Amino acid sequence: MRRSVLVVEAADGPKAMAIIRSNVKIDRLVTDVGLPNGMNGRQVADAARELRQGLKVLFVTGYAESAILSQGHLGPDMEVVTKPFQMEAVTERIRSLIEG
């Protein structure tokens, strides 16, 4: 079954947080770990999940997975895909977040 997806983009962490604080419907957050302008992807995800309980997150990173871990682990409903990646890997992680 195909699903339609509306993607909302933000250029950096503060702009992402402005969207997250808005009334825009957000089911999943996909964020790079390395973001410009003061917030990294983990900080955005943690702040977003405080505002939107149960928000599922996919981190994209060129760093080792351990570089994004907070206190040694990912939280529930969080996945990681490392660069370089095949698009199928991203699709599979998103599917896992949708179904899981």
C-alpha atoms as a PDB file:
ATOM      1  CA  MET A   1       0.000   0.000   0.000  1.00  0.00           C
ATOM      2  CA  ARG A   2       1.382   3.408  -0.941  1.00  0.00           C
ATOM      3  CA  ARG A   3       1.176   6.225   1.540  1.00  0.00           C
ATOM      4  CA  SER A   4       1.234   9.885   0.751  1.00  0.00           C
ATOM      5  CA  VAL A   5       3.778  11.905   2.665  1.00  0.00           C
ATOM      6  CA  LEU A   6       4.004  15.628   3.234  1.00  0.00           C
ATOM      7  CA  VAL A   7       7.563  16.720   3.961  1.00  0.00           C
ATOM      8  CA  VAL A   8       8.288  19.933   5.839  1.00  0.00           C
ATOM      9  CA  GLU A   9      11.908  21.113   5.714  1.00  0.00           C
ATOM     10  CA  ALA A  10      13.953  23.254   8.062  1.00  0.00           C
ATOM     11  CA  ALA A  11      17.438  24.603   7.360  1.00  0.00           C
ATOM     12  CA  ASP A  12      18.703  24.295  10.935  1.00  0.00           C
ATOM     13  CA  GLY A  13      17.760  23.350  14.477  1.00  0.00           C
ATOM     14  CA  PRO A  14      16.130  26.642  15.524  1.00  0.00           C
ATOM     15  CA  LYS A  15      13.978  26.674  12.370  1.00  0.00           C
ATOM     16  CA  ALA A  16      13.022  23.048  12.989  1.00  0.00           C
ATOM     17  CA  MET A  17      11.968  23.933  16.525  1.00  0.00           C
ATOM     18  CA  ALA A  18       9.817  26.804  15.225  1.00  0.00           C
ATOM     19  CA  ILE A  19       7.974  24.306  13.020  1.00  0.00           C
ATOM     20  CA  ILE A  20       7.682  21.801  15.858  1.00  0.00           C
ATOM     21  CA  ARG A  21       6.191  24.505  18.115  1.00  0.00           C
ATOM     22  CA  SER A  22       3.644  25.399  15.412  1.00  0.00           C
ATOM     23  CA  ASN A  23       0.365  23.665  14.631  1.00  0.00           C
ATOM     24  CA  VAL A  24       1.865  21.713  11.718  1.00  0.00           C
ATOM     25  CA  LYS A  25       1.018  18.004  11.997  1.00  0.00           C
ATOM     26  CA  ILE A  26       4.245  16.043  12.442  1.00  0.00           C
ATOM     27  CA  ASP A  27       4.211  12.257  12.612  1.00  0.00           C
ATOM     28  CA  ARG A  28       7.937  11.587  12.208  1.00  0.00           C
ATOM     29  CA  LEU A  29      11.101  13.631  12.568  1.00  0.00           C
ATOM     30  CA  VAL A  30      14.005  12.892  10.251  1.00  0.00           C
ATOM     31  CA  THR A  31      17.067  14.903  11.209  1.00  0.00           C
ATOM     32  CA  ASP A  32      20.731  14.958  10.419  1.00  0.00           C
ATOM     33  CA  VAL A  33      22.863  14.850  13.537  1.00  0.00           C
ATOM     34  CA  GLY A  34      25.134  17.670  12.366  1.00  0.00           C
ATOM     35  CA  LEU A  35      23.051  20.833  12.019  1.00  0.00           C
ATOM     36  CA  PRO A  36      24.158  24.469  11.753  1.00  0.00           C
ATOM     37  CA  ASN A  37      23.287  27.360  14.059  1.00  0.00           C
ATOM     38  CA  GLY A  38      23.590  26.052  17.565  1.00  0.00           C
ATOM     39  CA  MET A  39      21.490  22.892  17.859  1.00  0.00           C
ATOM     40  CA  ASN A  40      22.461  19.414  16.780  1.00  0.00           C
ATOM     41  CA  GLY A  41      19.957  16.814  15.639  1.00  0.00           C
ATOM     42  CA  ARG A  42      19.905  15.018  18.983  1.00  0.00           C
ATOM     43  CA  GLN A  43      19.094  18.272  20.774  1.00  0.00           C
ATOM     44  CA  VAL A  44      16.298  18.983  18.292  1.00  0.00           C
ATOM     45  CA  ALA A  45      14.901  15.472  18.721  1.00  0.00           C
ATOM     46  CA  ASP A  46      14.994  15.615  22.516  1.00  0.00           C
ATOM     47  CA  ALA A  47      13.327  19.053  22.598  1.00  0.00           C
ATOM     48  CA  ALA A  48      10.760  17.989  20.003  1.00  0.00           C
ATOM     49  CA  ARG A  49       9.845  14.885  21.985  1.00  0.00           C
ATOM     50  CA  GLU A  50       9.269  17.021  25.084  1.00  0.00           C
ATOM     51  CA  LEU A  51       6.747  19.077  23.110  1.00  0.00           C
ATOM     52  CA  ARG A  52       5.275  16.212  21.112  1.00  0.00           C
ATOM     53  CA  GLN A  53       5.102  13.105  23.238  1.00  0.00           C
ATOM     54  CA  GLY A  54       5.708   9.899  21.311  1.00  0.00           C
ATOM     55  CA  LEU A  55       7.269  11.588  18.273  1.00  0.00           C
ATOM     56  CA  LYS A  56       9.253   9.013  16.321  1.00  0.00           C
ATOM     57  CA  VAL A  57      12.723  10.050  15.159  1.00  0.00           C
ATOM     58  CA  LEU A  58      15.118   8.921  12.457  1.00  0.00           C
ATOM     59  CA  PHE A  59      18.660  10.247  12.769  1.00  0.00           C
ATOM     60  CA  VAL A  60      20.829  10.500   9.674  1.00  0.00           C
ATOM     61  CA  THR A  61      24.537  10.702  10.417  1.00  0.00           C
ATOM     62  CA  GLY A  62      27.939  10.443   8.842  1.00  0.00           C
ATOM     63  CA  TYR A  63      29.380   9.813  12.298  1.00  0.00           C
ATOM     64  CA  ALA A  64      29.468   6.566  14.189  1.00  0.00           C
ATOM     65  CA  GLU A  65      26.130   5.709  15.739  1.00  0.00           C
ATOM     66  CA  SER A  66      27.695   6.106  19.177  1.00  0.00           C
ATOM     67  CA  ALA A  67      28.272   9.804  18.448  1.00  0.00           C
ATOM     68  CA  ILE A  68      24.543  10.530  18.665  1.00  0.00           C
ATOM     69  CA  LEU A  69      23.714   8.436  21.662  1.00  0.00           C
ATOM     70  CA  SER A  70      22.592  10.247  24.768  1.00  0.00           C
ATOM     71  CA  GLN A  71      23.508   8.541  28.012  1.00  0.00           C
ATOM     72  CA  GLY A  72      24.535   5.454  26.067  1.00  0.00           C
ATOM     73  CA  HIS A  73      21.358   4.630  24.188  1.00  0.00           C
ATOM     74  CA  LEU A  74      18.699   5.726  21.765  1.00  0.00           C
ATOM     75  CA  GLY A  75      15.284   6.355  23.208  1.00  0.00           C
ATOM     76  CA  PRO A  76      12.212   4.387  22.256  1.00  0.00           C
ATOM     77  CA  ASP A  77      10.924   5.060  18.751  1.00  0.00           C
ATOM     78  CA  MET A  78      14.325   6.294  17.570  1.00  0.00           C
ATOM     79  CA  GLU A  79      16.273   4.817  14.662  1.00  0.00           C
ATOM     80  CA  VAL A  80      19.616   5.650  13.022  1.00  0.00           C
ATOM     81  CA  VAL A  81      20.849   5.379   9.456  1.00  0.00           C
ATOM     82  CA  THR A  82      24.497   6.133   8.716  1.00  0.00           C
ATOM     83  CA  LYS A  83      25.898   7.839   5.631  1.00  0.00           C
ATOM     84  CA  PRO A  84      26.540   6.837   2.987  1.00  0.00           C
ATOM     85  CA  PHE A  85      23.323   4.881   2.684  1.00  0.00           C
ATOM     86  CA  GLN A  86      21.055   3.390   0.093  1.00  0.00           C
ATOM     87  CA  MET A  87      17.593   4.959  -0.065  1.00  0.00           C
ATOM     88  CA  GLU A  88      16.169   1.544   0.776  1.00  0.00           C
ATOM     89  CA  ALA A  89      17.860   1.766   4.191  1.00  0.00           C
ATOM     90  CA  VAL A  90      16.071   5.039   4.947  1.00  0.00           C
ATOM     91  CA  THR A  91      12.792   3.636   3.675  1.00  0.00           C
ATOM     92  CA  GLU A  92      13.190   0.562   5.882  1.00  0.00           C
ATOM     93  CA  ARG A  93      13.948   2.639   8.992  1.00  0.00           C
ATOM     94  CA  ILE A  94      10.939   4.879   8.354  1.00  0.00           C
ATOM     95  CA  ARG A  95       8.772   1.807   7.803  1.00  0.00           C
ATOM     96  CA  SER A  96      10.043   0.429  11.110  1.00  0.00           C
ATOM     97  CA  LEU A  97       9.023   3.645  12.865  1.00  0.00           C
ATOM     98  CA  ILE A  98       5.583   3.588  11.236  1.00  0.00           C
ATOM     99  CA  GLU A  99       4.890  -0.036  12.048  1.00  0.00           C
ATOM    100  CA  GLY A 100       6.696  -0.285  15.349  1.00  0.00           C
END
